[in-house]
């Protein structure tokens, strides 16, 4: 940056175009550091929200399984047999087309690390 004096005697700096990105990065640094550290209350609130969400998911799954069982028991015995067979075929088909165990495990680990 070159220093120049204006007519009124005040020092004026000419900013070159190549220095603009550097200046922008320097202005953004304090914002980056301030958003990383949250207060204890905020972290605790986030943790509690995650616990509530997990409990809701478990309750939903439990109710869903109960409803599936109830609908299965409503059927006639012949229909129940057909439902069992179709469930068995579907399970076999899905197991054949599944990705290997380690690929699935790595996907989960990547998701947990970034998400």
N, C-alpha and C. Protein backbone atom coordinates (compact mmCIF):
# COMPACT_ATOMS: atom_id res chain seq x y z
N UNK A 1 0.84 -1.17 0.00
CA UNK A 1 0.00 0.00 0.00
C UNK A 1 0.89 1.24 0.00
N UNK A 2 0.59 2.12 -0.84
CA UNK A 2 1.38 3.34 -0.96
C UNK A 2 0.71 4.47 -0.19
N UNK A 3 1.53 5.26 0.52
CA UNK A 3 0.99 6.38 1.28
C UNK A 3 1.10 7.65 0.46
N UNK A 4 0.06 8.44 0.49
CA UNK A 4 0.05 9.73 -0.19
C UNK A 4 -0.57 10.76 0.73
N UNK A 5 -0.22 12.01 0.48
CA UNK A 5 -0.84 13.08 1.25
C UNK A 5 -1.86 13.77 0.38
N UNK A 6 -3.02 14.01 0.96
CA UNK A 6 -4.05 14.73 0.21
C UNK A 6 -3.79 16.22 0.33
N UNK A 7 -4.62 17.01 -0.32
CA UNK A 7 -4.45 18.46 -0.31
C UNK A 7 -4.61 19.03 1.10
N UNK A 8 -5.44 18.36 1.94
CA UNK A 8 -5.67 18.87 3.29
C UNK A 8 -4.58 18.43 4.27
N UNK A 9 -3.61 17.61 3.81
CA UNK A 9 -2.51 17.20 4.67
C UNK A 9 -2.75 15.87 5.38
N UNK A 10 -3.90 15.21 5.11
CA UNK A 10 -4.22 13.93 5.75
C UNK A 10 -3.60 12.82 4.92
N UNK A 11 -3.01 11.83 5.60
CA UNK A 11 -2.40 10.72 4.88
C UNK A 11 -3.50 9.82 4.30
N UNK A 12 -3.36 9.48 3.04
CA UNK A 12 -4.34 8.64 2.35
C UNK A 12 -3.60 7.42 1.82
N UNK A 13 -4.22 6.24 1.93
CA UNK A 13 -3.59 5.03 1.42
C UNK A 13 -4.33 4.55 0.19
N UNK A 14 -3.57 4.23 -0.84
CA UNK A 14 -4.15 3.61 -2.02
C UNK A 14 -4.16 2.10 -1.81
N UNK A 15 -5.29 1.51 -1.97
CA UNK A 15 -5.41 0.07 -1.80
C UNK A 15 -5.34 -0.57 -3.17
N UNK A 16 -4.41 -1.49 -3.31
CA UNK A 16 -4.27 -2.18 -4.59
C UNK A 16 -5.27 -3.32 -4.66
N UNK A 17 -5.67 -3.69 -5.86
CA UNK A 17 -6.67 -4.73 -6.05
C UNK A 17 -6.23 -6.08 -5.47
N UNK A 18 -4.95 -6.39 -5.55
CA UNK A 18 -4.51 -7.69 -5.06
C UNK A 18 -4.56 -7.77 -3.53
N UNK A 19 -4.66 -6.66 -2.85
CA UNK A 19 -4.72 -6.66 -1.39
C UNK A 19 -6.15 -6.79 -0.86
N UNK A 20 -7.14 -6.62 -1.69
CA UNK A 20 -8.53 -6.67 -1.24
C UNK A 20 -8.90 -8.03 -0.67
N UNK A 21 -8.59 -9.16 -1.34
CA UNK A 21 -8.95 -10.46 -0.74
C UNK A 21 -8.27 -10.69 0.61
N UNK A 22 -7.06 -10.23 0.76
CA UNK A 22 -6.35 -10.39 2.04
C UNK A 22 -7.06 -9.59 3.12
N UNK A 23 -7.46 -8.39 2.80
CA UNK A 23 -8.17 -7.57 3.78
C UNK A 23 -9.50 -8.20 4.17
N UNK A 24 -10.20 -8.74 3.20
CA UNK A 24 -11.47 -9.39 3.50
C UNK A 24 -11.28 -10.59 4.42
N UNK A 25 -10.24 -11.38 4.17
CA UNK A 25 -9.96 -12.53 5.03
C UNK A 25 -9.63 -12.08 6.46
N UNK A 26 -8.86 -11.03 6.58
CA UNK A 26 -8.51 -10.52 7.90
C UNK A 26 -9.75 -10.02 8.65
N UNK A 27 -10.69 -9.43 7.93
CA UNK A 27 -11.91 -8.95 8.57
C UNK A 27 -12.81 -10.11 9.00
N UNK A 28 -12.71 -11.24 8.31
CA UNK A 28 -13.58 -12.38 8.62
C UNK A 28 -13.02 -13.24 9.75
N UNK A 29 -11.75 -13.15 10.07
CA UNK A 29 -11.14 -13.98 11.10
C UNK A 29 -11.81 -13.87 12.46
N UNK A 30 -12.06 -12.68 12.98
CA UNK A 30 -12.70 -12.61 14.30
C UNK A 30 -14.08 -13.27 14.31
N UNK A 31 -14.81 -13.19 13.22
CA UNK A 31 -16.13 -13.81 13.17
C UNK A 31 -16.03 -15.32 13.24
N UNK A 32 -15.00 -15.89 12.61
CA UNK A 32 -14.81 -17.34 12.62
C UNK A 32 -14.51 -17.84 14.02
N UNK A 33 -13.67 -17.14 14.74
CA UNK A 33 -13.28 -17.59 16.07
C UNK A 33 -14.40 -17.42 17.08
N UNK A 34 -15.21 -16.40 16.93
CA UNK A 34 -16.27 -16.16 17.91
C UNK A 34 -17.40 -17.17 17.78
N UNK A 35 -17.63 -17.76 16.61
CA UNK A 35 -18.74 -18.70 16.44
C UNK A 35 -18.37 -20.12 16.87
N UNK A 36 -17.09 -20.41 17.05
CA UNK A 36 -16.69 -21.76 17.40
C UNK A 36 -16.98 -22.09 18.86
N UNK A 37 -16.84 -21.17 19.75
CA UNK A 37 -17.00 -21.43 21.17
C UNK A 37 -18.38 -20.97 21.62
N UNK A 38 -19.17 -21.94 22.05
CA UNK A 38 -20.51 -21.61 22.53
C UNK A 38 -20.50 -21.69 24.05
N UNK A 39 -21.42 -20.99 24.64
CA UNK A 39 -21.49 -21.01 26.09
C UNK A 39 -22.00 -22.38 26.56
N UNK A 40 -21.81 -22.64 27.83
CA UNK A 40 -22.20 -23.94 28.39
C UNK A 40 -23.71 -24.14 28.29
N UNK A 41 -24.47 -23.07 28.52
CA UNK A 41 -25.92 -23.17 28.46
C UNK A 41 -26.39 -23.54 27.05
N UNK A 42 -25.75 -22.98 26.04
CA UNK A 42 -26.13 -23.28 24.66
C UNK A 42 -25.81 -24.73 24.35
N UNK A 43 -24.61 -25.19 24.74
CA UNK A 43 -24.25 -26.59 24.49
C UNK A 43 -25.20 -27.54 25.20
N UNK A 44 -25.57 -27.19 26.43
CA UNK A 44 -26.48 -28.03 27.21
C UNK A 44 -27.87 -28.05 26.58
N UNK A 45 -28.33 -26.92 26.07
CA UNK A 45 -29.63 -26.86 25.41
C UNK A 45 -29.63 -27.71 24.15
N UNK A 46 -28.54 -27.66 23.40
CA UNK A 46 -28.44 -28.49 22.19
C UNK A 46 -28.45 -29.96 22.56
N UNK A 47 -27.70 -30.32 23.58
CA UNK A 47 -27.65 -31.72 24.03
C UNK A 47 -29.03 -32.20 24.49
N UNK A 48 -29.74 -31.35 25.22
CA UNK A 48 -31.09 -31.72 25.68
C UNK A 48 -32.04 -31.88 24.50
N UNK A 49 -31.92 -31.00 23.51
CA UNK A 49 -32.77 -31.11 22.33
C UNK A 49 -32.50 -32.41 21.59
N UNK A 50 -31.22 -32.81 21.51
CA UNK A 50 -30.88 -34.07 20.86
C UNK A 50 -31.46 -35.26 21.62
N UNK A 51 -31.41 -35.19 22.97
CA UNK A 51 -31.98 -36.28 23.78
C UNK A 51 -33.48 -36.39 23.56
N UNK A 52 -34.16 -35.26 23.52
CA UNK A 52 -35.61 -35.26 23.31
C UNK A 52 -35.93 -35.85 21.94
N UNK A 53 -35.16 -35.45 20.93
CA UNK A 53 -35.37 -35.97 19.58
C UNK A 53 -35.16 -37.48 19.54
N UNK A 54 -34.13 -37.96 20.22
CA UNK A 54 -33.85 -39.40 20.27
C UNK A 54 -35.00 -40.15 20.95
N UNK A 55 -35.51 -39.60 22.05
CA UNK A 55 -36.65 -40.23 22.74
C UNK A 55 -37.88 -40.28 21.84
N UNK A 56 -38.10 -39.20 21.09
CA UNK A 56 -39.25 -39.16 20.18
C UNK A 56 -39.10 -40.20 19.08
N UNK A 57 -37.89 -40.38 18.56
CA UNK A 57 -37.67 -41.39 17.53
C UNK A 57 -37.94 -42.78 18.07
N UNK A 58 -37.46 -43.06 19.29
CA UNK A 58 -37.67 -44.37 19.89
C UNK A 58 -39.16 -44.63 20.11
N UNK A 59 -39.88 -43.62 20.60
CA UNK A 59 -41.31 -43.77 20.83
C UNK A 59 -42.05 -44.01 19.52
N UNK A 60 -41.64 -43.31 18.47
CA UNK A 60 -42.26 -43.48 17.17
C UNK A 60 -42.04 -44.90 16.65
N UNK A 61 -40.80 -45.39 16.75
CA UNK A 61 -40.49 -46.74 16.28
C UNK A 61 -41.28 -47.79 17.06
N UNK A 62 -41.38 -47.59 18.36
CA UNK A 62 -42.12 -48.53 19.19
C UNK A 62 -43.60 -48.56 18.79
N UNK A 63 -44.18 -47.38 18.60
CA UNK A 63 -45.59 -47.30 18.19
C UNK A 63 -45.79 -47.89 16.80
N UNK A 64 -44.83 -47.66 15.91
CA UNK A 64 -44.92 -48.20 14.55
C UNK A 64 -44.90 -49.72 14.57
N UNK A 65 -43.99 -50.32 15.33
CA UNK A 65 -43.91 -51.78 15.41
C UNK A 65 -45.18 -52.36 16.02
N UNK A 66 -45.69 -51.67 17.02
CA UNK A 66 -46.92 -52.14 17.67
C UNK A 66 -48.09 -52.12 16.67
N UNK A 67 -48.16 -51.07 15.87
CA UNK A 67 -49.22 -50.95 14.87
C UNK A 67 -49.09 -52.01 13.79
N UNK A 68 -47.88 -52.30 13.35
CA UNK A 68 -47.66 -53.35 12.35
C UNK A 68 -48.12 -54.70 12.90
N UNK A 69 -47.77 -54.97 14.14
CA UNK A 69 -48.18 -56.23 14.77
C UNK A 69 -49.70 -56.31 14.88
N UNK A 70 -50.33 -55.20 15.25
CA UNK A 70 -51.79 -55.18 15.39
C UNK A 70 -52.47 -55.44 14.05
N UNK A 71 -51.96 -54.82 12.99
CA UNK A 71 -52.55 -55.03 11.66
C UNK A 71 -52.32 -56.45 11.17
N UNK A 72 -51.19 -57.03 11.54
CA UNK A 72 -50.91 -58.41 11.16
C UNK A 72 -51.90 -59.36 11.85
N UNK A 73 -52.13 -59.11 13.14
CA UNK A 73 -53.03 -59.99 13.91
C UNK A 73 -54.49 -59.87 13.49
N UNK A 74 -54.84 -58.77 12.82
CA UNK A 74 -56.22 -58.60 12.36
C UNK A 74 -56.54 -59.50 11.17
N UNK A 75 -55.51 -59.97 10.46
CA UNK A 75 -55.71 -60.72 9.23
C UNK A 75 -56.10 -62.17 9.52
N UNK A 76 -56.71 -62.78 8.52
CA UNK A 76 -57.04 -64.20 8.60
C UNK A 76 -55.74 -65.02 8.55
N UNK A 77 -55.75 -66.25 9.06
CA UNK A 77 -54.53 -67.06 9.10
C UNK A 77 -53.88 -67.28 7.73
N UNK A 78 -54.69 -67.45 6.66
CA UNK A 78 -54.10 -67.64 5.33
C UNK A 78 -53.36 -66.39 4.88
N UNK A 79 -53.95 -65.25 5.18
CA UNK A 79 -53.34 -63.97 4.80
C UNK A 79 -52.05 -63.76 5.59
N UNK A 80 -52.07 -64.15 6.86
CA UNK A 80 -50.87 -64.02 7.69
C UNK A 80 -49.72 -64.84 7.10
N UNK A 81 -50.03 -66.04 6.62
CA UNK A 81 -49.00 -66.88 6.00
C UNK A 81 -48.43 -66.21 4.75
N UNK A 82 -49.30 -65.63 3.92
CA UNK A 82 -48.82 -64.94 2.72
C UNK A 82 -47.96 -63.73 3.10
N UNK A 83 -48.37 -63.02 4.14
CA UNK A 83 -47.59 -61.86 4.58
C UNK A 83 -46.21 -62.28 5.07
N UNK A 84 -46.15 -63.41 5.80
CA UNK A 84 -44.87 -63.91 6.28
C UNK A 84 -43.96 -64.27 5.11
N UNK A 85 -44.53 -64.94 4.10
CA UNK A 85 -43.75 -65.34 2.93
C UNK A 85 -43.23 -64.12 2.16
N UNK A 86 -44.09 -63.15 1.97
CA UNK A 86 -43.66 -61.96 1.21
C UNK A 86 -42.59 -61.19 2.00
N UNK A 87 -42.72 -61.13 3.33
CA UNK A 87 -41.72 -60.45 4.15
C UNK A 87 -40.37 -61.18 4.05
N UNK A 88 -40.45 -62.51 4.05
CA UNK A 88 -39.24 -63.33 3.95
C UNK A 88 -38.53 -63.10 2.61
N UNK A 89 -39.32 -63.10 1.52
CA UNK A 89 -38.74 -62.87 0.20
C UNK A 89 -38.12 -61.48 0.10
N UNK A 90 -38.81 -60.49 0.64
CA UNK A 90 -38.31 -59.12 0.59
C UNK A 90 -36.99 -59.01 1.37
N UNK A 91 -36.93 -59.65 2.53
CA UNK A 91 -35.72 -59.61 3.35
C UNK A 91 -34.54 -60.24 2.60
N UNK A 92 -34.78 -61.38 1.96
CA UNK A 92 -33.72 -62.05 1.20
C UNK A 92 -33.25 -61.17 0.04
N UNK A 93 -34.19 -60.59 -0.68
CA UNK A 93 -33.84 -59.74 -1.82
C UNK A 93 -33.02 -58.54 -1.36
N UNK A 94 -33.43 -57.92 -0.27
CA UNK A 94 -32.72 -56.74 0.23
C UNK A 94 -31.33 -57.08 0.75
N UNK A 95 -31.18 -58.25 1.33
CA UNK A 95 -29.86 -58.65 1.82
C UNK A 95 -28.90 -58.90 0.67
N UNK A 96 -29.40 -59.41 -0.45
CA UNK A 96 -28.54 -59.66 -1.59
C UNK A 96 -28.04 -58.35 -2.20
N UNK A 97 -28.86 -57.33 -2.20
CA UNK A 97 -28.52 -56.06 -2.86
C UNK A 97 -27.91 -55.05 -1.90
N UNK A 98 -27.54 -55.48 -0.73
CA UNK A 98 -26.98 -54.60 0.27
C UNK A 98 -25.49 -54.38 0.03
N UNK A 99 -25.00 -53.19 0.41
CA UNK A 99 -23.57 -52.92 0.31
C UNK A 99 -22.83 -53.72 1.38
N UNK A 100 -21.55 -53.99 1.17
CA UNK A 100 -20.78 -54.73 2.17
C UNK A 100 -20.74 -53.98 3.51
N UNK A 101 -20.53 -54.75 4.57
CA UNK A 101 -20.59 -54.22 5.93
C UNK A 101 -19.64 -53.05 6.15
N UNK A 102 -18.39 -53.18 5.69
CA UNK A 102 -17.41 -52.14 5.96
C UNK A 102 -17.74 -50.84 5.23
N UNK A 103 -18.32 -50.93 4.04
CA UNK A 103 -18.72 -49.71 3.33
C UNK A 103 -19.81 -48.98 4.10
N UNK A 104 -20.79 -49.73 4.59
CA UNK A 104 -21.87 -49.10 5.36
C UNK A 104 -21.32 -48.48 6.64
N UNK A 105 -20.41 -49.19 7.30
CA UNK A 105 -19.83 -48.70 8.54
C UNK A 105 -19.05 -47.40 8.29
N UNK A 106 -18.27 -47.37 7.22
CA UNK A 106 -17.50 -46.17 6.92
C UNK A 106 -18.41 -45.00 6.57
N UNK A 107 -19.51 -45.25 5.88
CA UNK A 107 -20.45 -44.17 5.57
C UNK A 107 -21.02 -43.58 6.85
N UNK A 108 -21.38 -44.46 7.81
CA UNK A 108 -21.91 -43.97 9.08
C UNK A 108 -20.87 -43.14 9.82
N UNK A 109 -19.63 -43.62 9.84
CA UNK A 109 -18.58 -42.88 10.54
C UNK A 109 -18.32 -41.53 9.90
N UNK A 110 -18.32 -41.48 8.57
CA UNK A 110 -18.12 -40.21 7.88
C UNK A 110 -19.25 -39.25 8.19
N UNK A 111 -20.49 -39.78 8.20
CA UNK A 111 -21.64 -38.93 8.47
C UNK A 111 -21.58 -38.38 9.89
N UNK A 112 -21.20 -39.20 10.86
CA UNK A 112 -21.13 -38.75 12.24
C UNK A 112 -20.04 -37.69 12.42
N UNK A 113 -18.92 -37.88 11.72
CA UNK A 113 -17.81 -36.94 11.86
C UNK A 113 -18.17 -35.58 11.29
N UNK A 114 -18.89 -35.56 10.14
CA UNK A 114 -19.20 -34.29 9.49
C UNK A 114 -20.58 -33.78 9.86
N UNK A 115 -21.48 -34.60 10.20
CA UNK A 115 -22.86 -34.15 10.42
C UNK A 115 -23.19 -33.88 11.75
